[in-house]
PDB file of N, CA and C in Angstrom:
ATOM      1  N   MET A   1      96.889  73.816  98.038  1.00  0.00           N
ATOM      2  CA  MET A   1      97.320  73.923  99.466  1.00  0.00           C
ATOM      3  C   MET A   1      96.854  75.205 100.295  1.00  0.00           C
ATOM      4  N   SER A   2      95.875  74.986 101.445  1.00  0.00           N
ATOM      5  CA  SER A   2      94.729  76.112 101.903  1.00  0.00           C
ATOM      6  C   SER A   2      96.844  76.680 103.316  1.00  0.00           C
ATOM      7  N   MET A   3      96.161  77.796 103.008  1.00  0.00           N
ATOM      8  CA  MET A   3      97.016  78.840 103.940  1.00  0.00           C
ATOM      9  C   MET A   3      95.924  79.095 104.970  1.00  0.00           C
ATOM     10  N   ASN A   4      96.894  78.976 106.618  1.00  0.00           N
ATOM     11  CA  ASN A   4      95.757  79.318 107.999  1.00  0.00           C
ATOM     12  C   ASN A   4      95.842  80.906 107.584  1.00  0.00           C
ATOM     13  N   ALA A   5      94.853  81.874 108.200  1.00  0.00           N
ATOM     14  CA  ALA A   5      94.929  82.976 108.050  1.00  0.00           C
ATOM     15  C   ALA A   5      96.039  83.761 109.469  1.00  0.00           C
ATOM     16  N   PRO A   6      96.676  84.616 108.977  1.00  0.00           N
ATOM     17  CA  PRO A   6      97.561  85.268 109.681  1.00  0.00           C
ATOM     18  C   PRO A   6      97.480  85.327 111.475  1.00  0.00           C
ATOM     19  N   THR A   7      98.542  85.097 112.387  1.00  0.00           N
ATOM     20  CA  THR A   7      97.849  85.632 113.303  1.00  0.00           C
ATOM     21  C   THR A   7      99.310  85.862 114.614  1.00  0.00           C
ATOM     22  N   PRO A   8      98.287  86.608 115.211  1.00  0.00           N
ATOM     23  CA  PRO A   8     100.136  87.621 116.343  1.00  0.00           C
ATOM     24  C   PRO A   8     100.809  86.817 116.755  1.00  0.00           C
ATOM     25  N   ASP A   9     100.176  85.346 116.954  1.00  0.00           N
ATOM     26  CA  ASP A   9     101.342  84.473 117.598  1.00  0.00           C
ATOM     27  C   ASP A   9     101.957  83.746 116.809  1.00  0.00           C
ATOM     28  N   MET A  10     102.051  83.957 115.324  1.00  0.00           N
ATOM     29  CA  MET A  10     103.070  83.120 114.017  1.00  0.00           C
ATOM     30  C   MET A  10     104.328  84.093 114.518  1.00  0.00           C
ATOM     31  N   SER A  11     105.230  83.069 114.288  1.00  0.00           N
ATOM     32  CA  SER A  11     106.582  83.627 113.933  1.00  0.00           C
ATOM     33  C   SER A  11     106.662  84.387 112.598  1.00  0.00           C
ATOM     34  N   ASP A  12     108.041  85.313 113.119  1.00  0.00           N
ATOM     35  CA  ASP A  12     107.967  86.563 111.289  1.00  0.00           C
ATOM     36  C   ASP A  12     108.054  85.576 110.654  1.00  0.00           C
ATOM     37  N   GLU A  13     108.825  84.561 110.665  1.00  0.00           N
ATOM     38  CA  GLU A  13     108.637  83.840 109.553  1.00  0.00           C
ATOM     39  C   GLU A  13     108.045  83.013 108.530  1.00  0.00           C
ATOM     40  N   GLU A  14     106.925  82.644 109.984  1.00  0.00           N
ATOM     41  CA  GLU A  14     105.518  82.093 109.238  1.00  0.00           C
ATOM     42  C   GLU A  14     105.051  83.082 108.601  1.00  0.00           C
ATOM     43  N   LEU A  15     105.093  84.366 109.114  1.00  0.00           N
ATOM     44  CA  LEU A  15     104.121  85.263 108.906  1.00  0.00           C
ATOM     45  C   LEU A  15     105.114  86.318 107.932  1.00  0.00           C
ATOM     46  N   GLY A  16     106.120  86.085 107.057  1.00  0.00           N
ATOM     47  CA  GLY A  16     106.939  86.466 105.822  1.00  0.00           C
ATOM     48  C   GLY A  16     108.130  87.360 106.093  1.00  0.00           C
ATOM     49  N   GLY A  17     108.342  87.325 107.363  1.00  0.00           N
ATOM     50  CA  GLY A  17     109.265  88.552 107.650  1.00  0.00           C
ATOM     51  C   GLY A  17     108.379  89.235 108.782  1.00  0.00           C
ATOM     52  N   GLN A  18     109.273  90.923 109.276  1.00  0.00           N
ATOM     53  CA  GLN A  18     108.593  91.557 109.690  1.00  0.00           C
ATOM     54  C   GLN A  18     107.150  92.247 109.830  1.00  0.00           C
ATOM     55  N   GLN A  19     106.240  91.203 110.123  1.00  0.00           N
ATOM     56  CA  GLN A  19     105.211  91.628 109.781  1.00  0.00           C
ATOM     57  C   GLN A  19     104.477  91.703 110.708  1.00  0.00           C
ATOM     58  N   TRP A  20     104.928  91.742 112.555  1.00  0.00           N
ATOM     59  CA  TRP A  20     104.100  91.706 113.252  1.00  0.00           C
ATOM     60  C   TRP A  20     103.792  92.971 113.637  1.00  0.00           C
ATOM     61  N   HIS A  21     103.965  94.348 113.060  1.00  0.00           N
ATOM     62  CA  HIS A  21     103.505  95.786 113.168  1.00  0.00           C
ATOM     63  C   HIS A  21     102.196  95.685 112.687  1.00  0.00           C
ATOM     64  N   LEU A  22     101.793  94.859 111.691  1.00  0.00           N
ATOM     65  CA  LEU A  22     100.329  94.883 111.005  1.00  0.00           C
ATOM     66  C   LEU A  22      99.782  94.810 112.294  1.00  0.00           C
ATOM     67  N   TYR A  23      99.784  93.805 113.341  1.00  0.00           N
ATOM     68  CA  TYR A  23      98.722  93.375 114.823  1.00  0.00           C
ATOM     69  C   TYR A  23      98.928  94.558 115.920  1.00  0.00           C
ATOM     70  N   ALA A  24      99.924  95.516 115.617  1.00  0.00           N
ATOM     71  CA  ALA A  24      99.944  96.168 117.104  1.00  0.00           C
ATOM     72  C   ALA A  24      98.822  96.980 116.647  1.00  0.00           C
ATOM     73  N   LEU A  25      98.366  97.805 118.154  1.00  0.00           N
ATOM     74  CA  LEU A  25      97.336  98.639 118.188  1.00  0.00           C
ATOM     75  C   LEU A  25      97.798 100.244 117.907  1.00  0.00           C
ATOM     76  N   CYS A  26      99.304 100.191 117.950  1.00  0.00           N
ATOM     77  CA  CYS A  26      99.802 101.266 117.940  1.00  0.00           C
ATOM     78  C   CYS A  26      99.799 102.249 116.183  1.00  0.00           C
ATOM     79  N   ALA A  27      99.602 101.417 115.848  1.00  0.00           N
ATOM     80  CA  ALA A  27      99.013 101.000 113.957  1.00  0.00           C
ATOM     81  C   ALA A  27      97.449 101.327 113.602  1.00  0.00           C
ATOM     82  N   GLN A  28      96.779 101.420 115.017  1.00  0.00           N
ATOM     83  CA  GLN A  28      95.557 101.790 114.983  1.00  0.00           C
ATOM     84  C   GLN A  28      95.133 103.183 115.845  1.00  0.00           C
ATOM     85  N   THR A  29      95.739 104.539 115.966  1.00  0.00           N
ATOM     86  CA  THR A  29      96.419 104.933 117.242  1.00  0.00           C
ATOM     87  C   THR A  29      97.312 106.338 116.470  1.00  0.00           C
ATOM     88  N   ASP A  30      96.803 107.350 116.863  1.00  0.00           N
ATOM     89  CA  ASP A  30      97.588 108.612 116.515  1.00  0.00           C
ATOM     90  C   ASP A  30      98.845 108.000 117.016  1.00  0.00           C
ATOM     91  N   PRO A  31      99.882 108.235 115.749  1.00  0.00           N
ATOM     92  CA  PRO A  31     101.397 108.186 116.066  1.00  0.00           C
ATOM     93  C   PRO A  31     102.048 109.063 116.901  1.00  0.00           C
ATOM     94  N   ASP A  32     101.193 110.722 117.207  1.00  0.00           N
ATOM     95  CA  ASP A  32     101.844 111.180 118.125  1.00  0.00           C
ATOM     96  C   ASP A  32     101.905 111.256 119.585  1.00  0.00           C
ATOM     97  N   THR A  33     100.670 109.908 119.783  1.00  0.00           N
ATOM     98  CA  THR A  33     100.826 109.414 121.158  1.00  0.00           C
ATOM     99  C   THR A  33     101.956 108.535 121.280  1.00  0.00           C
ATOM    100  N   PHE A  34     102.128 108.117 120.638  1.00  0.00           N
ATOM    101  CA  PHE A  34     103.464 107.109 120.961  1.00  0.00           C
ATOM    102  C   PHE A  34     104.970 108.296 120.482  1.00  0.00           C
ATOM    103  N   PHE A  35     104.670 109.034 119.502  1.00  0.00           N
ATOM    104  CA  PHE A  35     106.584 110.027 120.107  1.00  0.00           C
ATOM    105  C   PHE A  35     105.640 111.380 120.294  1.00  0.00           C
ATOM    106  N   PRO A  36     106.202 111.361 121.582  1.00  0.00           N
ATOM    107  CA  PRO A  36     105.080 112.797 122.040  1.00  0.00           C
ATOM    108  C   PRO A  36     106.161 113.446 122.356  1.00  0.00           C
ATOM    109  N   ASP A  37     106.130 115.353 121.863  1.00  0.00           N
ATOM    110  CA  ASP A  37     106.806 115.961 122.329  1.00  0.00           C
ATOM    111  C   ASP A  37     107.562 116.160 123.735  1.00  0.00           C
ATOM    112  N   LYS A  38     108.960 116.390 123.045  1.00  0.00           N
ATOM    113  CA  LYS A  38     109.674 116.572 124.992  1.00  0.00           C
ATOM    114  C   LYS A  38     109.267 116.338 126.238  1.00  0.00           C
ATOM    115  N   GLY A  39     109.001 115.587 127.028  1.00  0.00           N
ATOM    116  CA  GLY A  39     108.102 116.353 128.003  1.00  0.00           C
ATOM    117  C   GLY A  39     107.263 115.906 128.602  1.00  0.00           C
ATOM    118  N   GLY A  40     106.053 115.439 127.404  1.00  0.00           N
ATOM    119  CA  GLY A  40     104.734 115.242 126.903  1.00  0.00           C
ATOM    120  C   GLY A  40     104.983 113.752 127.824  1.00  0.00           C
ATOM    121  N   SER A  41     103.422 113.599 128.624  1.00  0.00           N
ATOM    122  CA  SER A  41     103.141 112.532 128.662  1.00  0.00           C
ATOM    123  C   SER A  41     103.243 110.714 127.544  1.00  0.00           C
ATOM    124  N   THR A  42     103.297 109.703 128.540  1.00  0.00           N
ATOM    125  CA  THR A  42     103.458 108.746 127.730  1.00  0.00           C
ATOM    126  C   THR A  42     102.490 107.637 128.251  1.00  0.00           C
ATOM    127  N   ARG A  43     101.765 108.467 129.147  1.00  0.00           N
ATOM    128  CA  ARG A  43     101.067 107.412 130.051  1.00  0.00           C
ATOM    129  C   ARG A  43     100.196 106.831 129.212  1.00  0.00           C
ATOM    130  N   ASN A  44      99.974 107.444 127.828  1.00  0.00           N
ATOM    131  CA  ASN A  44      98.686 106.835 127.212  1.00  0.00           C
ATOM    132  C   ASN A  44      99.019 105.752 126.302  1.00  0.00           C
ATOM    133  N   ALA A  45     100.245 105.887 125.894  1.00  0.00           N
ATOM    134  CA  ALA A  45     101.070 105.304 125.270  1.00  0.00           C
ATOM    135  C   ALA A  45     101.221 103.699 125.685  1.00  0.00           C
ATOM    136  N   LYS A  46     101.398 104.374 126.470  1.00  0.00           N
ATOM    137  CA  LYS A  46     102.382 102.562 127.402  1.00  0.00           C
ATOM    138  C   LYS A  46     101.018 102.069 127.439  1.00  0.00           C
ATOM    139  N   ARG A  47      99.858 102.727 127.904  1.00  0.00           N
ATOM    140  CA  ARG A  47      98.364 101.644 128.303  1.00  0.00           C
ATOM    141  C   ARG A  47      98.096 101.031 127.207  1.00  0.00           C
ATOM    142  N   ILE A  48      98.100 101.794 126.298  1.00  0.00           N
ATOM    143  CA  ILE A  48      97.846 101.012 124.684  1.00  0.00           C
ATOM    144  C   ILE A  48      99.252  99.699 124.454  1.00  0.00           C
ATOM    145  N   CYS A  49     100.115  99.651 124.554  1.00  0.00           N
ATOM    146  CA  CYS A  49     100.848  98.768 124.819  1.00  0.00           C
ATOM    147  C   CYS A  49     100.838  97.581 125.217  1.00  0.00           C
ATOM    148  N   ASN A  50      99.894  97.650 126.500  1.00  0.00           N
ATOM    149  CA  ASN A  50     100.287  96.854 127.935  1.00  0.00           C
ATOM    150  C   ASN A  50      98.963  95.949 127.028  1.00  0.00           C
ATOM    151  N   VAL A  51      98.319  96.185 126.566  1.00  0.00           N
ATOM    152  CA  VAL A  51      97.227  95.522 125.823  1.00  0.00           C
ATOM    153  C   VAL A  51      97.384  94.847 124.727  1.00  0.00           C
ATOM    154  N   CYS A  52      98.457  95.585 123.930  1.00  0.00           N
ATOM    155  CA  CYS A  52      98.655  94.491 122.780  1.00  0.00           C
ATOM    156  C   CYS A  52      99.819  93.257 122.370  1.00  0.00           C
ATOM    157  N   GLU A  53      99.240  93.094 121.961  1.00  0.00           N
ATOM    158  CA  GLU A  53      99.697  91.221 121.264  1.00  0.00           C
ATOM    159  C   GLU A  53     100.748  91.136 120.802  1.00  0.00           C
ATOM    160  N   VAL A  54     101.297  92.273 120.248  1.00  0.00           N
ATOM    161  CA  VAL A  54     102.623  91.731 119.943  1.00  0.00           C
ATOM    162  C   VAL A  54     103.563  93.008 120.894  1.00  0.00           C
ATOM    163  N   LYS A  55     103.777  93.071 122.148  1.00  0.00           N
ATOM    164  CA  LYS A  55     104.158  94.168 122.176  1.00  0.00           C
ATOM    165  C   LYS A  55     105.867  94.089 122.533  1.00  0.00           C
ATOM    166  N   ARG A  56     105.750  92.083 123.006  1.00  0.00           N
ATOM    167  CA  ARG A  56     107.043  91.409 123.229  1.00  0.00           C
ATOM    168  C   ARG A  56     108.457  91.843 122.118  1.00  0.00           C
ATOM    169  N   ARG A  57     108.091  91.414 120.889  1.00  0.00           N
ATOM    170  CA  ARG A  57     108.113  91.758 119.808  1.00  0.00           C
ATOM    171  C   ARG A  57     108.550  93.156 119.343  1.00  0.00           C
ATOM    172  N   CYS A  58     107.735  93.745 119.713  1.00  0.00           N
ATOM    173  CA  CYS A  58     107.602  95.266 119.451  1.00  0.00           C
ATOM    174  C   CYS A  58     109.583  95.484 120.014  1.00  0.00           C
ATOM    175  N   LEU A  59     109.209  95.506 121.296  1.00  0.00           N
ATOM    176  CA  LEU A  59     110.133  95.719 122.310  1.00  0.00           C
ATOM    177  C   LEU A  59     111.864  95.218 121.376  1.00  0.00           C
ATOM    178  N   GLU A  60     111.581  93.756 121.201  1.00  0.00           N
ATOM    179  CA  GLU A  60     112.560  93.088 120.695  1.00  0.00           C
ATOM    180  C   GLU A  60     112.906  94.100 119.660  1.00  0.00           C
ATOM    181  N   TYR A  61     112.094  94.206 118.688  1.00  0.00           N
ATOM    182  CA  TYR A  61     112.377  95.067 117.072  1.00  0.00           C
ATOM    183  C   TYR A  61     113.573  95.839 118.196  1.00  0.00           C
ATOM    184  N   ALA A  62     112.587  97.375 118.535  1.00  0.00           N
ATOM    185  CA  ALA A  62     113.307  98.075 119.083  1.00  0.00           C
ATOM    186  C   ALA A  62     114.683  98.210 119.687  1.00  0.00           C
ATOM    187  N   LEU A  63     115.110  97.343 120.642  1.00  0.00           N
ATOM    188  CA  LEU A  63     116.687  97.133 121.361  1.00  0.00           C
ATOM    189  C   LEU A  63     117.341  96.434 119.999  1.00  0.00           C
ATOM    190  N   ALA A  64     116.697  95.935 119.308  1.00  0.00           N
ATOM    191  CA  ALA A  64     117.789  95.282 118.058  1.00  0.00           C
ATOM    192  C   ALA A  64     118.163  95.954 116.922  1.00  0.00           C
ATOM    193  N   ASN A  65     117.225  97.094 116.739  1.00  0.00           N
ATOM    194  CA  ASN A  65     117.881  98.159 115.943  1.00  0.00           C
ATOM    195  C   ASN A  65     117.631  99.682 116.810  1.00  0.00           C
ATOM    196  N   ASP A  66     118.121  99.401 117.704  1.00  0.00           N
ATOM    197  CA  ASP A  66     118.130 100.659 118.352  1.00  0.00           C
ATOM    198  C   ASP A  66     117.620 102.067 118.359  1.00  0.00           C
ATOM    199  N   GLU A  67     116.499 101.772 118.562  1.00  0.00           N
ATOM    200  CA  GLU A  67     115.247 102.696 118.429  1.00  0.00           C
ATOM    201  C   GLU A  67     115.393 103.354 119.056  1.00  0.00           C
ATOM    202  N   ARG A  68     115.547 104.935 118.742  1.00  0.00           N
ATOM    203  CA  ARG A  68     116.100 106.187 119.875  1.00  0.00           C
ATOM    204  C   ARG A  68     114.902 106.806 120.440  1.00  0.00           C
ATOM    205  N   TYR A  69     113.427 106.896 119.191  1.00  0.00           N
ATOM    206  CA  TYR A  69     112.537 108.273 120.196  1.00  0.00           C
ATOM    207  C   TYR A  69     111.505 106.663 119.639  1.00  0.00           C
ATOM    208  N   GLY A  70     110.441 107.365 120.583  1.00  0.00           N
ATOM    209  CA  GLY A  70     109.039 107.438 121.077  1.00  0.00           C
ATOM    210  C   GLY A  70     109.138 106.018 121.791  1.00  0.00           C
ATOM    211  N   ILE A  71     107.667 105.434 122.502  1.00  0.00           N
ATOM    212  CA  ILE A  71     107.287 104.334 122.843  1.00  0.00           C
ATOM    213  C   ILE A  71     107.411 103.076 121.637  1.00  0.00           C
ATOM    214  N   TRP A  72     108.274 102.147 122.524  1.00  0.00           N
ATOM    215  CA  TRP A  72     108.196 100.601 121.828  1.00  0.00           C
ATOM    216  C   TRP A  72     108.249  99.725 122.808  1.00  0.00           C
ATOM    217  N   GLY A  73     107.001  98.854 122.668  1.00  0.00           N
ATOM    218  CA  GLY A  73     106.961  97.881 123.646  1.00  0.00           C
ATOM    219  C   GLY A  73     106.750  97.962 124.689  1.00  0.00           C
ATOM    220  N   GLY A  74     106.014  99.266 125.063  1.00  0.00           N
ATOM    221  CA  GLY A  74     105.493  99.852 126.436  1.00  0.00           C
ATOM    222  C   GLY A  74     106.619 100.416 127.274  1.00  0.00           C
ATOM    223  N   LEU A  75     108.270 100.713 126.457  1.00  0.00           N
ATOM    224  CA  LEU A  75     108.931 101.219 127.193  1.00  0.00           C
ATOM    225  C   LEU A  75     109.485 102.934 125.895  1.00  0.00           C
ATOM    226  N   SER A  76     109.584 103.653 127.452  1.00  0.00           N
ATOM    227  CA  SER A  76     110.687 104.606 126.719  1.00  0.00           C
ATOM    228  C   SER A  76     111.748 104.834 126.366  1.00  0.00           C
ATOM    229  N   GLU A  77     112.155 105.887 125.510  1.00  0.00           N
ATOM    230  CA  GLU A  77     113.588 105.848 124.914  1.00  0.00           C
ATOM    231  C   GLU A  77     114.370 105.439 126.231  1.00  0.00           C
ATOM    232  N   ARG A  78     114.306 105.934 127.170  1.00  0.00           N
ATOM    233  CA  ARG A  78     114.846 106.369 128.160  1.00  0.00           C
ATOM    234  C   ARG A  78     114.944 104.962 129.386  1.00  0.00           C
ATOM    235  N   ASP A  79     113.631 104.051 129.689  1.00  0.00           N
ATOM    236  CA  ASP A  79     113.559 103.089 129.351  1.00  0.00           C
ATOM    237  C   ASP A  79     114.446 101.791 129.016  1.00  0.00           C
ATOM    238  N   ARG A  80     114.263 102.120 127.755  1.00  0.00           N
ATOM    239  CA  ARG A  80     115.141 101.410 127.116  1.00  0.00           C
ATOM    240  C   ARG A  80     116.512 100.864 127.187  1.00  0.00           C
ATOM    241  N   ARG A  81     116.966 102.727 127.517  1.00  0.00           N
ATOM    242  CA  ARG A  81     118.761 102.440 127.214  1.00  0.00           C
ATOM    243  C   ARG A  81     118.812 101.652 129.029  1.00  0.00           C
ATOM    244  N   ARG A  82     117.894 102.030 129.731  1.00  0.00           N
ATOM    245  CA  ARG A  82     118.197 101.679 131.173  1.00  0.00           C
ATOM    246  C   ARG A  82     118.142 100.230 131.335  1.00  0.00           C
ATOM    247  N   ARG A  83     117.498  99.563 130.188  1.00  0.00           N
ATOM    248  CA  ARG A  83     117.053  97.343 130.093  1.00  0.00           C
ATOM    249  C   ARG A  83     118.675  97.548 129.820  1.00  0.00           C
ATOM    250  N   LYS A  84     119.129  97.869 128.333  1.00  0.00           N
ATOM    251  CA  LYS A  84     120.444  97.761 127.458  1.00  0.00           C
ATOM    252  C   LYS A  84     121.238  97.742 128.506  1.00  0.00           C
ATOM    253  N   LYS A  85     122.347  98.878 129.264  1.00  0.00           N
ATOM    254  CA  LYS A  85     122.891  99.136 130.173  1.00  0.00           C
ATOM    255  C   LYS A  85     122.827  97.885 131.599  1.00  0.00           C
ATOM    256  N   ARG A  86     121.518  97.753 131.912  1.00  0.00           N
ATOM    257  CA  ARG A  86     121.542  96.327 132.644  1.00  0.00           C
ATOM    258  C   ARG A  86     121.819  95.087 132.409  1.00  0.00           C
ATOM    259  N   ALA A  87     121.484  95.384 130.668  1.00  0.00           N
ATOM    260  CA  ALA A  87     121.760  93.326 130.082  1.00  0.00           C
ATOM    261  C   ALA A  87     123.137  93.678 130.179  1.00  0.00           C
ATOM    262  N   ALA A  88     123.846  94.575 129.686  1.00  0.00           N
ATOM    263  CA  ALA A  88     125.313  94.950 129.043  1.00  0.00           C
ATOM    264  C   ALA A  88     126.317  94.615 130.373  1.00  0.00           C
ATOM    265  N   ASP A  89     125.246  95.002 132.011  1.00  0.00           N
ATOM    266  CA  ASP A  89     126.436  94.954 133.080  1.00  0.00           C
ATOM    267  C   ASP A  89     126.241  93.736 133.427  1.00  0.00           C
ATOM    268  N   GLY A  90     125.237  93.100 132.715  1.00  0.00           N
ATOM    269  CA  GLY A  90     125.731  91.902 132.881  1.00  0.00           C
ATOM    270  C   GLY A  90     123.766  91.717 134.194  1.00  0.00           C
ATOM    271  N   ARG A  91     123.090  92.267 134.355  1.00  0.00           N
ATOM    272  CA  ARG A  91     121.908  92.707 135.481  1.00  0.00           C
ATOM    273  C   ARG A  91     120.931  92.429 134.861  1.00  0.00           C
ATOM    274  N   SER A  92     120.420  91.812 133.592  1.00  0.00           N
ATOM    275  CA  SER A  92     119.237  91.943 133.794  1.00  0.00           C
ATOM    276  C   SER A  92     118.289  90.789 134.085  1.00  0.00           C
TER     277      SER A  92
END
């Protein structure tokens, strides 16, 4: 049986579970970039997210798991709260 090398566009099932994070650019970056101190800049983290192949999956994970800290899928905690509120209000 031949097995193809995993790629970021494969489903989680094809990857054997929550393996998308292996392709995340943040995994190759200083974690402090994505978890800045209160009032710290999130600009660099968001720039990295914007070119990351697994940005969508990352955001889906953060929303589904109620991640409250850090930049996930290019959104800050505040951005994610607003998005969830809009979705709950039916304005997504």
